[in-house]
Structure formats: structure tokens, C-alpha cells
N, C-alpha and C. Protein backbone atom coordinates (compact mmCIF):
# COMPACT_ATOMS: atom_id res chain seq x y z
N UNK A 1 11.55 -20.24 6.88
CA UNK A 1 10.98 -18.93 7.16
C UNK A 1 11.87 -18.19 8.14
N UNK A 2 12.06 -16.93 7.88
CA UNK A 2 12.90 -16.10 8.73
C UNK A 2 12.25 -15.83 10.08
N UNK A 3 13.09 -15.61 11.11
CA UNK A 3 12.58 -15.24 12.42
C UNK A 3 12.50 -13.72 12.58
N UNK A 4 12.96 -13.00 11.56
CA UNK A 4 12.93 -11.54 11.59
C UNK A 4 11.48 -11.07 11.53
N UNK A 5 11.07 -10.20 12.45
CA UNK A 5 9.69 -9.71 12.36
C UNK A 5 9.50 -8.84 11.13
N UNK A 6 8.40 -9.06 10.47
CA UNK A 6 8.01 -8.27 9.30
C UNK A 6 6.85 -7.39 9.75
N UNK A 7 6.95 -6.11 9.46
CA UNK A 7 5.87 -5.19 9.80
C UNK A 7 5.11 -4.84 8.53
N UNK A 8 3.79 -4.96 8.60
CA UNK A 8 2.91 -4.56 7.50
C UNK A 8 2.08 -3.39 8.02
N UNK A 9 2.20 -2.25 7.36
CA UNK A 9 1.44 -1.06 7.73
C UNK A 9 0.38 -0.82 6.68
N UNK A 10 -0.87 -0.72 7.13
CA UNK A 10 -2.01 -0.55 6.23
C UNK A 10 -2.57 0.86 6.40
N UNK A 11 -2.74 1.54 5.29
CA UNK A 11 -3.15 2.94 5.28
C UNK A 11 -4.45 3.09 4.48
N UNK A 12 -5.50 3.55 5.13
CA UNK A 12 -6.82 3.66 4.50
C UNK A 12 -6.97 4.93 3.67
N UNK A 13 -8.06 5.00 2.95
CA UNK A 13 -8.35 6.13 2.08
C UNK A 13 -8.92 7.34 2.81
N UNK A 14 -9.16 8.39 2.05
CA UNK A 14 -9.59 9.69 2.56
C UNK A 14 -10.86 9.61 3.41
N UNK A 15 -11.88 8.97 2.90
CA UNK A 15 -13.18 8.92 3.58
C UNK A 15 -13.40 7.61 4.32
N UNK A 16 -12.37 6.85 4.52
CA UNK A 16 -12.48 5.52 5.10
C UNK A 16 -11.90 5.53 6.51
N UNK A 17 -11.57 4.35 7.01
CA UNK A 17 -10.96 4.23 8.33
C UNK A 17 -10.22 2.91 8.45
N UNK A 18 -9.55 2.69 9.57
CA UNK A 18 -8.77 1.46 9.75
C UNK A 18 -9.65 0.22 9.84
N UNK A 19 -10.94 0.40 10.07
CA UNK A 19 -11.85 -0.75 10.13
C UNK A 19 -12.54 -1.05 8.81
N UNK A 20 -12.10 -0.39 7.73
CA UNK A 20 -12.74 -0.61 6.43
C UNK A 20 -12.57 -2.05 5.97
N UNK A 21 -13.45 -2.47 5.10
CA UNK A 21 -13.47 -3.85 4.63
C UNK A 21 -12.14 -4.27 4.02
N UNK A 22 -11.59 -3.46 3.10
CA UNK A 22 -10.32 -3.82 2.43
C UNK A 22 -9.17 -3.87 3.42
N UNK A 23 -9.06 -2.85 4.26
CA UNK A 23 -7.95 -2.79 5.21
C UNK A 23 -8.03 -3.98 6.16
N UNK A 24 -9.20 -4.28 6.69
CA UNK A 24 -9.34 -5.39 7.62
C UNK A 24 -9.11 -6.74 6.94
N UNK A 25 -9.54 -6.86 5.68
CA UNK A 25 -9.32 -8.12 4.95
C UNK A 25 -7.82 -8.34 4.71
N UNK A 26 -7.11 -7.27 4.34
CA UNK A 26 -5.67 -7.41 4.12
C UNK A 26 -4.93 -7.64 5.44
N UNK A 27 -5.36 -6.98 6.50
CA UNK A 27 -4.74 -7.17 7.81
C UNK A 27 -4.90 -8.62 8.26
N UNK A 28 -6.12 -9.15 8.11
CA UNK A 28 -6.38 -10.54 8.49
C UNK A 28 -5.52 -11.50 7.67
N UNK A 29 -5.36 -11.23 6.39
CA UNK A 29 -4.52 -12.08 5.54
C UNK A 29 -3.07 -12.01 5.99
N UNK A 30 -2.57 -10.82 6.26
CA UNK A 30 -1.18 -10.66 6.70
C UNK A 30 -0.93 -11.43 8.00
N UNK A 31 -1.91 -11.41 8.89
CA UNK A 31 -1.76 -12.07 10.20
C UNK A 31 -1.78 -13.59 10.12
N UNK A 32 -2.06 -14.16 8.94
CA UNK A 32 -1.99 -15.62 8.79
C UNK A 32 -0.54 -16.08 8.62
N UNK A 33 0.37 -15.15 8.38
CA UNK A 33 1.78 -15.48 8.19
C UNK A 33 2.51 -15.38 9.52
N UNK A 34 3.41 -16.34 9.79
CA UNK A 34 4.22 -16.23 11.01
C UNK A 34 5.16 -15.03 10.92
N UNK A 35 5.43 -14.44 12.04
CA UNK A 35 6.38 -13.31 12.16
C UNK A 35 5.92 -12.01 11.52
N UNK A 36 4.66 -11.94 11.08
CA UNK A 36 4.16 -10.67 10.55
C UNK A 36 3.35 -9.97 11.63
N UNK A 37 3.67 -8.69 11.80
CA UNK A 37 2.92 -7.82 12.69
C UNK A 37 2.21 -6.81 11.80
N UNK A 38 0.90 -6.87 11.77
CA UNK A 38 0.12 -5.97 10.91
C UNK A 38 -0.44 -4.81 11.73
N UNK A 39 -0.31 -3.61 11.18
CA UNK A 39 -0.76 -2.39 11.85
C UNK A 39 -1.70 -1.62 10.92
N UNK A 40 -2.96 -1.46 11.30
CA UNK A 40 -3.89 -0.62 10.54
C UNK A 40 -3.84 0.78 11.16
N UNK A 41 -3.27 1.71 10.44
CA UNK A 41 -3.09 3.07 10.96
C UNK A 41 -4.41 3.83 10.87
N UNK A 42 -4.69 4.59 11.91
CA UNK A 42 -5.91 5.41 11.95
C UNK A 42 -5.56 6.84 11.53
N UNK A 43 -5.94 7.19 10.32
CA UNK A 43 -5.66 8.52 9.77
C UNK A 43 -6.86 9.45 9.88
N UNK A 44 -7.93 9.04 10.53
CA UNK A 44 -9.17 9.83 10.49
C UNK A 44 -9.06 11.21 11.12
N UNK A 45 -8.00 11.48 11.86
CA UNK A 45 -7.84 12.80 12.50
C UNK A 45 -7.50 13.90 11.49
N UNK A 46 -7.12 13.52 10.27
CA UNK A 46 -6.74 14.52 9.27
C UNK A 46 -7.01 14.02 7.85
N UNK A 47 -7.42 14.95 7.00
CA UNK A 47 -7.60 14.65 5.58
C UNK A 47 -6.45 15.19 4.75
N UNK A 48 -5.43 15.72 5.43
CA UNK A 48 -4.28 16.31 4.77
C UNK A 48 -3.24 15.24 4.43
N UNK A 49 -2.85 15.12 3.16
CA UNK A 49 -1.88 14.10 2.77
C UNK A 49 -0.55 14.18 3.54
N UNK A 50 -0.05 15.38 3.76
CA UNK A 50 1.23 15.54 4.47
C UNK A 50 1.13 15.07 5.92
N UNK A 51 0.00 15.35 6.56
CA UNK A 51 -0.21 14.90 7.94
C UNK A 51 -0.27 13.38 7.99
N UNK A 52 -0.97 12.80 7.03
CA UNK A 52 -1.07 11.33 7.00
C UNK A 52 0.29 10.69 6.72
N UNK A 53 1.10 11.34 5.92
CA UNK A 53 2.46 10.85 5.66
C UNK A 53 3.26 10.84 6.96
N UNK A 54 3.15 11.90 7.75
CA UNK A 54 3.85 11.96 9.04
C UNK A 54 3.33 10.87 9.98
N UNK A 55 2.02 10.62 9.95
CA UNK A 55 1.45 9.56 10.80
C UNK A 55 2.04 8.20 10.44
N UNK A 56 2.24 7.94 9.16
CA UNK A 56 2.84 6.68 8.72
C UNK A 56 4.28 6.59 9.22
N UNK A 57 5.03 7.67 9.03
CA UNK A 57 6.43 7.68 9.47
C UNK A 57 6.53 7.47 10.98
N UNK A 58 5.63 8.10 11.73
CA UNK A 58 5.62 7.95 13.19
C UNK A 58 5.28 6.51 13.59
N UNK A 59 4.30 5.92 12.92
CA UNK A 59 3.91 4.53 13.23
C UNK A 59 5.07 3.58 12.99
N UNK A 60 5.79 3.79 11.89
CA UNK A 60 6.94 2.94 11.59
C UNK A 60 8.02 3.11 12.66
N UNK A 61 8.29 4.35 13.04
CA UNK A 61 9.33 4.61 14.06
C UNK A 61 8.92 4.04 15.41
N UNK A 62 7.67 4.23 15.81
CA UNK A 62 7.21 3.75 17.12
C UNK A 62 7.25 2.23 17.23
N UNK A 63 7.05 1.54 16.12
CA UNK A 63 7.04 0.08 16.16
C UNK A 63 8.45 -0.49 16.07
N UNK A 64 9.42 0.36 15.76
CA UNK A 64 10.79 -0.11 15.59
C UNK A 64 10.98 -0.90 14.30
N UNK A 65 10.12 -0.67 13.32
CA UNK A 65 10.19 -1.41 12.06
C UNK A 65 11.45 -1.06 11.28
N UNK A 66 12.14 -2.09 10.82
CA UNK A 66 13.27 -1.93 9.93
C UNK A 66 12.70 -1.79 8.52
N UNK A 67 12.97 -0.69 7.81
CA UNK A 67 12.41 -0.52 6.46
C UNK A 67 12.66 -1.71 5.53
N UNK A 68 13.81 -2.38 5.69
CA UNK A 68 14.13 -3.54 4.84
C UNK A 68 13.19 -4.71 5.11
N UNK A 69 12.49 -4.68 6.23
CA UNK A 69 11.53 -5.74 6.60
C UNK A 69 10.13 -5.17 6.75
N UNK A 70 9.83 -4.12 5.99
CA UNK A 70 8.55 -3.44 6.10
C UNK A 70 7.79 -3.50 4.77
N UNK A 71 6.50 -3.80 4.89
CA UNK A 71 5.61 -3.82 3.73
C UNK A 71 4.52 -2.79 3.99
N UNK A 72 4.30 -1.94 3.01
CA UNK A 72 3.26 -0.92 3.09
C UNK A 72 2.12 -1.30 2.17
N UNK A 73 0.90 -1.13 2.64
CA UNK A 73 -0.27 -1.43 1.82
C UNK A 73 -1.31 -0.35 2.07
N UNK A 74 -1.86 0.20 1.00
CA UNK A 74 -2.83 1.26 1.19
C UNK A 74 -3.75 1.42 0.01
N UNK A 75 -4.84 2.13 0.27
CA UNK A 75 -5.88 2.35 -0.73
C UNK A 75 -6.13 3.85 -0.89
N UNK A 76 -6.24 4.31 -2.12
CA UNK A 76 -6.56 5.68 -2.47
C UNK A 76 -5.52 6.63 -1.85
N UNK A 77 -5.95 7.55 -0.95
CA UNK A 77 -4.96 8.42 -0.32
C UNK A 77 -3.95 7.59 0.46
N UNK A 78 -4.39 6.47 1.04
CA UNK A 78 -3.48 5.57 1.73
C UNK A 78 -2.46 4.97 0.77
N UNK A 79 -2.85 4.77 -0.48
CA UNK A 79 -1.90 4.30 -1.49
C UNK A 79 -0.85 5.36 -1.77
N UNK A 80 -1.28 6.62 -1.82
CA UNK A 80 -0.31 7.70 -2.00
C UNK A 80 0.64 7.76 -0.80
N UNK A 81 0.07 7.63 0.42
CA UNK A 81 0.90 7.66 1.64
C UNK A 81 1.97 6.56 1.55
N UNK A 82 1.58 5.37 1.13
CA UNK A 82 2.54 4.26 1.02
C UNK A 82 3.59 4.54 -0.06
N UNK A 83 3.15 5.03 -1.20
CA UNK A 83 4.08 5.33 -2.30
C UNK A 83 5.08 6.40 -1.87
N UNK A 84 4.59 7.48 -1.25
CA UNK A 84 5.47 8.56 -0.84
C UNK A 84 6.40 8.11 0.29
N UNK A 85 5.89 7.30 1.21
CA UNK A 85 6.74 6.77 2.28
C UNK A 85 7.88 5.96 1.69
N UNK A 86 7.57 5.12 0.69
CA UNK A 86 8.62 4.30 0.07
C UNK A 86 9.61 5.16 -0.71
N UNK A 87 9.16 6.29 -1.21
CA UNK A 87 10.05 7.21 -1.91
C UNK A 87 11.05 7.83 -0.93
N UNK A 88 10.56 8.17 0.26
CA UNK A 88 11.41 8.78 1.28
C UNK A 88 12.29 7.76 2.00
N UNK A 89 11.74 6.56 2.20
CA UNK A 89 12.42 5.49 2.94
C UNK A 89 12.18 4.19 2.20
N UNK A 90 13.14 3.72 1.39
CA UNK A 90 12.93 2.47 0.66
C UNK A 90 12.55 1.32 1.59
N UNK A 91 11.55 0.55 1.17
CA UNK A 91 11.02 -0.55 1.97
C UNK A 91 11.05 -1.85 1.17
N UNK A 92 10.69 -2.93 1.84
CA UNK A 92 10.63 -4.24 1.19
C UNK A 92 9.51 -4.30 0.16
N UNK A 93 8.31 -3.84 0.55
CA UNK A 93 7.17 -3.96 -0.35
C UNK A 93 6.22 -2.80 -0.28
N UNK A 94 5.56 -2.53 -1.40
CA UNK A 94 4.56 -1.47 -1.50
C UNK A 94 3.41 -2.01 -2.35
N UNK A 95 2.26 -2.24 -1.71
CA UNK A 95 1.08 -2.82 -2.35
C UNK A 95 -0.02 -1.76 -2.28
N UNK A 96 -0.38 -1.20 -3.43
CA UNK A 96 -1.29 -0.05 -3.40
C UNK A 96 -2.49 -0.25 -4.31
N UNK A 97 -3.64 0.13 -3.76
CA UNK A 97 -4.93 -0.05 -4.43
C UNK A 97 -5.50 1.31 -4.82
N UNK A 98 -5.88 1.47 -6.08
CA UNK A 98 -6.45 2.72 -6.57
C UNK A 98 -5.72 3.92 -5.97
N UNK A 99 -4.38 3.92 -6.08
CA UNK A 99 -3.60 4.95 -5.39
C UNK A 99 -3.86 6.34 -5.96
N UNK A 100 -3.94 7.31 -5.07
CA UNK A 100 -4.16 8.70 -5.47
C UNK A 100 -2.84 9.28 -5.99
N UNK A 101 -2.38 8.71 -7.09
CA UNK A 101 -1.15 9.16 -7.73
C UNK A 101 -1.52 10.07 -8.90
N UNK A 102 -0.58 10.92 -9.28
CA UNK A 102 -0.79 11.86 -10.38
C UNK A 102 -1.97 12.79 -10.10
N UNK A 103 -2.16 13.11 -8.82
CA UNK A 103 -3.23 14.03 -8.40
C UNK A 103 -2.56 15.36 -8.02
N UNK A 104 -3.00 16.43 -8.62
CA UNK A 104 -2.33 17.72 -8.47
C UNK A 104 -2.40 18.30 -7.06
N UNK A 105 -3.39 17.95 -6.26
CA UNK A 105 -3.51 18.57 -4.94
C UNK A 105 -2.61 17.92 -3.87
N UNK A 106 -1.84 16.92 -4.28
CA UNK A 106 -0.96 16.25 -3.34
C UNK A 106 0.42 16.91 -3.37
N UNK A 107 1.15 16.90 -2.22
CA UNK A 107 2.46 17.56 -2.18
C UNK A 107 3.43 17.05 -3.23
N UNK A 108 3.41 15.77 -3.51
CA UNK A 108 4.23 15.16 -4.56
C UNK A 108 3.27 14.24 -5.30
N UNK A 109 2.86 14.65 -6.48
CA UNK A 109 1.78 13.92 -7.16
C UNK A 109 2.23 12.60 -7.78
N UNK A 110 3.51 12.47 -8.07
CA UNK A 110 4.00 11.25 -8.69
C UNK A 110 5.29 10.79 -8.02
N UNK A 111 5.17 10.29 -6.79
CA UNK A 111 6.38 9.87 -6.08
C UNK A 111 7.07 8.71 -6.79
N UNK A 112 8.40 8.68 -6.65
CA UNK A 112 9.18 7.56 -7.16
C UNK A 112 9.06 6.46 -6.11
N UNK A 113 8.43 5.36 -6.48
CA UNK A 113 8.22 4.26 -5.54
C UNK A 113 9.51 3.46 -5.44
N UNK A 114 10.08 3.42 -4.24
CA UNK A 114 11.36 2.76 -4.02
C UNK A 114 11.17 1.61 -3.04
N UNK A 115 10.54 0.58 -3.54
CA UNK A 115 10.34 -0.64 -2.77
C UNK A 115 10.94 -1.78 -3.59
N UNK A 116 11.46 -2.79 -2.90
CA UNK A 116 12.02 -3.93 -3.64
C UNK A 116 10.94 -4.63 -4.45
N UNK A 117 9.72 -4.64 -3.90
CA UNK A 117 8.58 -5.26 -4.59
C UNK A 117 7.42 -4.27 -4.56
N UNK A 118 6.73 -4.20 -5.67
CA UNK A 118 5.59 -3.29 -5.75
C UNK A 118 4.48 -3.95 -6.55
N UNK A 119 3.26 -3.63 -6.18
CA UNK A 119 2.09 -4.06 -6.97
C UNK A 119 1.05 -2.95 -6.86
N UNK A 120 0.56 -2.53 -8.01
CA UNK A 120 -0.53 -1.55 -8.07
C UNK A 120 -1.76 -2.28 -8.61
N UNK A 121 -2.90 -2.05 -7.97
CA UNK A 121 -4.17 -2.56 -8.48
C UNK A 121 -5.11 -1.38 -8.62
N UNK A 122 -5.75 -1.28 -9.76
CA UNK A 122 -6.63 -0.14 -10.05
C UNK A 122 -7.87 -0.65 -10.76
N UNK A 123 -8.91 0.16 -10.77
CA UNK A 123 -10.15 -0.19 -11.47
C UNK A 123 -10.30 0.60 -12.75
N UNK A 124 -10.74 -0.07 -13.79
CA UNK A 124 -10.97 0.61 -15.07
C UNK A 124 -12.02 1.71 -14.93
N UNK A 125 -13.02 1.48 -14.07
CA UNK A 125 -14.13 2.43 -13.93
C UNK A 125 -13.93 3.39 -12.77
N UNK A 126 -12.70 3.59 -12.32
CA UNK A 126 -12.43 4.49 -11.20
C UNK A 126 -12.80 5.91 -11.59
N UNK A 127 -13.77 6.51 -10.88
CA UNK A 127 -14.21 7.87 -11.17
C UNK A 127 -13.64 8.88 -10.17
N UNK A 128 -12.73 8.44 -9.31
CA UNK A 128 -12.08 9.32 -8.34
C UNK A 128 -10.63 9.57 -8.74
N UNK A 129 -9.90 8.50 -9.00
CA UNK A 129 -8.51 8.60 -9.44
C UNK A 129 -8.46 8.01 -10.86
N UNK A 130 -8.28 8.86 -11.87
CA UNK A 130 -8.26 8.34 -13.24
C UNK A 130 -7.17 7.28 -13.43
N UNK A 131 -7.51 6.26 -14.20
CA UNK A 131 -6.59 5.14 -14.39
C UNK A 131 -5.40 5.49 -15.29
N UNK A 132 -5.60 6.34 -16.29
CA UNK A 132 -4.54 6.60 -17.27
C UNK A 132 -3.28 7.20 -16.63
N UNK A 133 -3.36 8.22 -15.77
CA UNK A 133 -2.12 8.72 -15.16
C UNK A 133 -1.43 7.67 -14.28
N UNK A 134 -2.19 6.79 -13.66
CA UNK A 134 -1.59 5.74 -12.84
C UNK A 134 -0.90 4.71 -13.76
N UNK A 135 -1.53 4.40 -14.88
CA UNK A 135 -0.88 3.53 -15.87
C UNK A 135 0.43 4.16 -16.37
N UNK A 136 0.38 5.46 -16.64
CA UNK A 136 1.58 6.16 -17.11
C UNK A 136 2.69 6.10 -16.06
N UNK A 137 2.34 6.34 -14.79
CA UNK A 137 3.33 6.29 -13.72
C UNK A 137 3.92 4.89 -13.61
N UNK A 138 3.07 3.87 -13.67
CA UNK A 138 3.55 2.49 -13.60
C UNK A 138 4.50 2.19 -14.76
N UNK A 139 4.13 2.63 -15.95
CA UNK A 139 4.99 2.42 -17.13
C UNK A 139 6.32 3.15 -16.96
N UNK A 140 6.25 4.41 -16.57
CA UNK A 140 7.47 5.22 -16.44
C UNK A 140 8.43 4.66 -15.39
N UNK A 141 7.87 4.04 -14.32
CA UNK A 141 8.72 3.50 -13.26
C UNK A 141 8.93 1.99 -13.38
N UNK A 142 8.35 1.38 -14.42
CA UNK A 142 8.52 -0.06 -14.62
C UNK A 142 7.89 -0.89 -13.52
N UNK A 143 6.69 -0.48 -13.07
CA UNK A 143 6.02 -1.16 -11.96
C UNK A 143 4.87 -2.02 -12.46
N UNK A 144 4.66 -3.17 -11.84
CA UNK A 144 3.53 -4.01 -12.24
C UNK A 144 2.21 -3.37 -11.82
N UNK A 145 1.23 -3.47 -12.71
CA UNK A 145 -0.11 -2.95 -12.41
C UNK A 145 -1.14 -3.93 -12.92
N UNK A 146 -2.15 -4.15 -12.12
CA UNK A 146 -3.28 -5.00 -12.48
C UNK A 146 -4.50 -4.10 -12.51
N UNK A 147 -5.17 -4.04 -13.66
CA UNK A 147 -6.36 -3.21 -13.78
C UNK A 147 -7.57 -4.13 -13.92
N UNK A 148 -8.52 -3.92 -13.02
CA UNK A 148 -9.69 -4.79 -12.93
C UNK A 148 -10.96 -4.06 -13.37
N UNK A 149 -11.98 -4.81 -13.80
CA UNK A 149 -13.24 -4.19 -14.19
C UNK A 149 -14.04 -3.80 -12.94
N UNK A 150 -13.63 -2.71 -12.31
CA UNK A 150 -14.23 -2.29 -11.04
C UNK A 150 -14.04 -0.78 -10.91
N UNK A 151 -14.64 -0.22 -9.87
CA UNK A 151 -14.53 1.20 -9.60
C UNK A 151 -13.44 1.51 -8.59
N UNK A 152 -13.49 2.74 -8.04
CA UNK A 152 -12.46 3.22 -7.14
C UNK A 152 -12.33 2.37 -5.87
N UNK A 153 -13.42 1.94 -5.32
CA UNK A 153 -13.38 1.17 -4.07
C UNK A 153 -12.98 -0.29 -4.27
N UNK A 154 -12.94 -0.74 -5.51
CA UNK A 154 -12.61 -2.14 -5.83
C UNK A 154 -13.49 -3.11 -5.03
N UNK A 155 -14.71 -2.67 -4.74
CA UNK A 155 -15.60 -3.45 -3.87
C UNK A 155 -16.05 -4.77 -4.49
N UNK A 156 -16.06 -4.86 -5.81
CA UNK A 156 -16.45 -6.12 -6.46
C UNK A 156 -15.25 -7.05 -6.67
N UNK A 157 -14.08 -6.60 -6.23
CA UNK A 157 -12.85 -7.37 -6.45
C UNK A 157 -12.14 -7.72 -5.15
N UNK A 158 -12.84 -7.70 -4.02
CA UNK A 158 -12.20 -7.91 -2.73
C UNK A 158 -11.48 -9.25 -2.67
N UNK A 159 -12.11 -10.32 -3.11
CA UNK A 159 -11.46 -11.64 -3.07
C UNK A 159 -10.19 -11.64 -3.91
N UNK A 160 -10.23 -11.01 -5.07
CA UNK A 160 -9.05 -10.94 -5.94
C UNK A 160 -7.95 -10.11 -5.29
N UNK A 161 -8.33 -8.99 -4.68
CA UNK A 161 -7.35 -8.13 -4.00
C UNK A 161 -6.66 -8.90 -2.88
N UNK A 162 -7.43 -9.61 -2.07
CA UNK A 162 -6.85 -10.37 -0.96
C UNK A 162 -5.95 -11.49 -1.49
N UNK A 163 -6.37 -12.14 -2.56
CA UNK A 163 -5.55 -13.20 -3.17
C UNK A 163 -4.23 -12.62 -3.70
N UNK A 164 -4.30 -11.48 -4.37
CA UNK A 164 -3.09 -10.82 -4.88
C UNK A 164 -2.19 -10.40 -3.72
N UNK A 165 -2.79 -9.93 -2.64
CA UNK A 165 -2.01 -9.50 -1.47
C UNK A 165 -1.29 -10.69 -0.86
N UNK A 166 -1.97 -11.81 -0.77
CA UNK A 166 -1.34 -13.02 -0.23
C UNK A 166 -0.12 -13.40 -1.08
N UNK A 167 -0.28 -13.42 -2.39
CA UNK A 167 0.84 -13.73 -3.28
C UNK A 167 1.97 -12.72 -3.14
N UNK A 168 1.62 -11.45 -2.97
CA UNK A 168 2.62 -10.40 -2.80
C UNK A 168 3.41 -10.62 -1.51
N UNK A 169 2.71 -10.93 -0.42
CA UNK A 169 3.38 -11.21 0.85
C UNK A 169 4.31 -12.42 0.72
N UNK A 170 3.85 -13.46 0.04
CA UNK A 170 4.69 -14.65 -0.17
C UNK A 170 5.95 -14.29 -0.93
N UNK A 171 5.82 -13.47 -1.97
CA UNK A 171 6.98 -13.04 -2.76
C UNK A 171 7.97 -12.26 -1.89
N UNK A 172 7.45 -11.32 -1.11
CA UNK A 172 8.33 -10.52 -0.24
C UNK A 172 9.03 -11.40 0.77
N UNK A 173 8.30 -12.32 1.38
CA UNK A 173 8.89 -13.19 2.40
C UNK A 173 9.92 -14.14 1.80
N UNK A 174 9.64 -14.68 0.61
CA UNK A 174 10.64 -15.59 0.03
C UNK A 174 11.88 -14.83 -0.39
N UNK A 175 11.73 -13.58 -0.79
CA UNK A 175 12.88 -12.76 -1.12
C UNK A 175 13.77 -12.55 0.12
N UNK A 176 13.16 -12.39 1.26
CA UNK A 176 13.93 -12.22 2.50
C UNK A 176 14.70 -13.49 2.87
N UNK A 177 14.19 -14.63 2.44
CA UNK A 177 14.82 -15.91 2.80
C UNK A 177 15.92 -16.32 1.83
N UNK A 178 16.17 -15.51 0.80
CA UNK A 178 17.23 -15.83 -0.14
C UNK A 178 18.58 -15.56 0.52
N UNK A 179 19.57 -16.41 0.24
CA UNK A 179 20.90 -16.19 0.85
C UNK A 179 21.56 -14.93 0.35
């Protein structure tokens, strides 16, 4: 295992907060790994996507995170924040849940995700962010996507989400340990 600190930044959804069930479950999972510093960003001061994007960029800069050793994880609007952040600054990993992608009210509705590793998880019954445009984006960018029989909050799939996140973290960490 590398001694290089890995930063995991977690970005919550529009109506949620850093203490939400998914964000806290993923943060707790990340903290089981040595050398991972997990940060749950508090975006509740603004519902504006551009402002939340700046908050993510500021959090990364303030922590001194090296993008090559950074993993972004987010849900809904937080998923968009992570995707757009990776588009602007390529990172090690981007793990996004029911991401608000292909949504017209966002400054960039379909960001090019530029992470070495990516995983999208979405719900078939999502009534907030339609699944088809997210499937199209994943196909167009060649990104892995897991679609579960759940809604936008993925509340019935929390154990699966955490399990997938653990595997994603393991993949990112083993990639860093390659010569």
C-alpha cells in the first residue's frame, strides 16, 4: 500500500447535506482504508451548480489534494459537481450516484468525465434525473454504469452502493500501487 495520502471528496445532492445517509456511509467506508482522508463537503449554502463546483475546487485546493491521488464521489447534483470537476481537473476516480447529468439547467449538462476510473450508479425508477440520458452519456464516453431497481435516492440499494464504492476504492488504490 502506498504512503501517498489519498483524498476522497464527497458531494451531496441538492436537497441533502453532508450528514446524509449515503454520504456518511461512503465516508465511513473510505475511512476504513489506510492513508485515505475523506471530506464531506457542505454545499447547503447554495443550490447553484456553479457555486457548488467552486466549493469543490476550493476544498481540493485547501486540503492540498493532488488530483492524481483524488477520488470524487457524489450523488445527484453532487454527482454533477464531481463529473464537472473531473472534466476541469482530471482525477484518479469519479464515483457518481444518480448524477444530474444531461440536465438542461446546468452550466454544462454533459461534462466529459476525465478520471482514470469511473463508476456511475443509477436507478431505473429515478423520477428526478431520467436514466436514458445518463445511459447515453455513459455509452458515448465509454463509462461503466450500473442501473439498479431503485429510485433517485437509491435508498433501497445502500448496501450495494457501499459495496460498489469499496470495490471502486480498492481498484483506484491498486492502480496507484502499479509500477
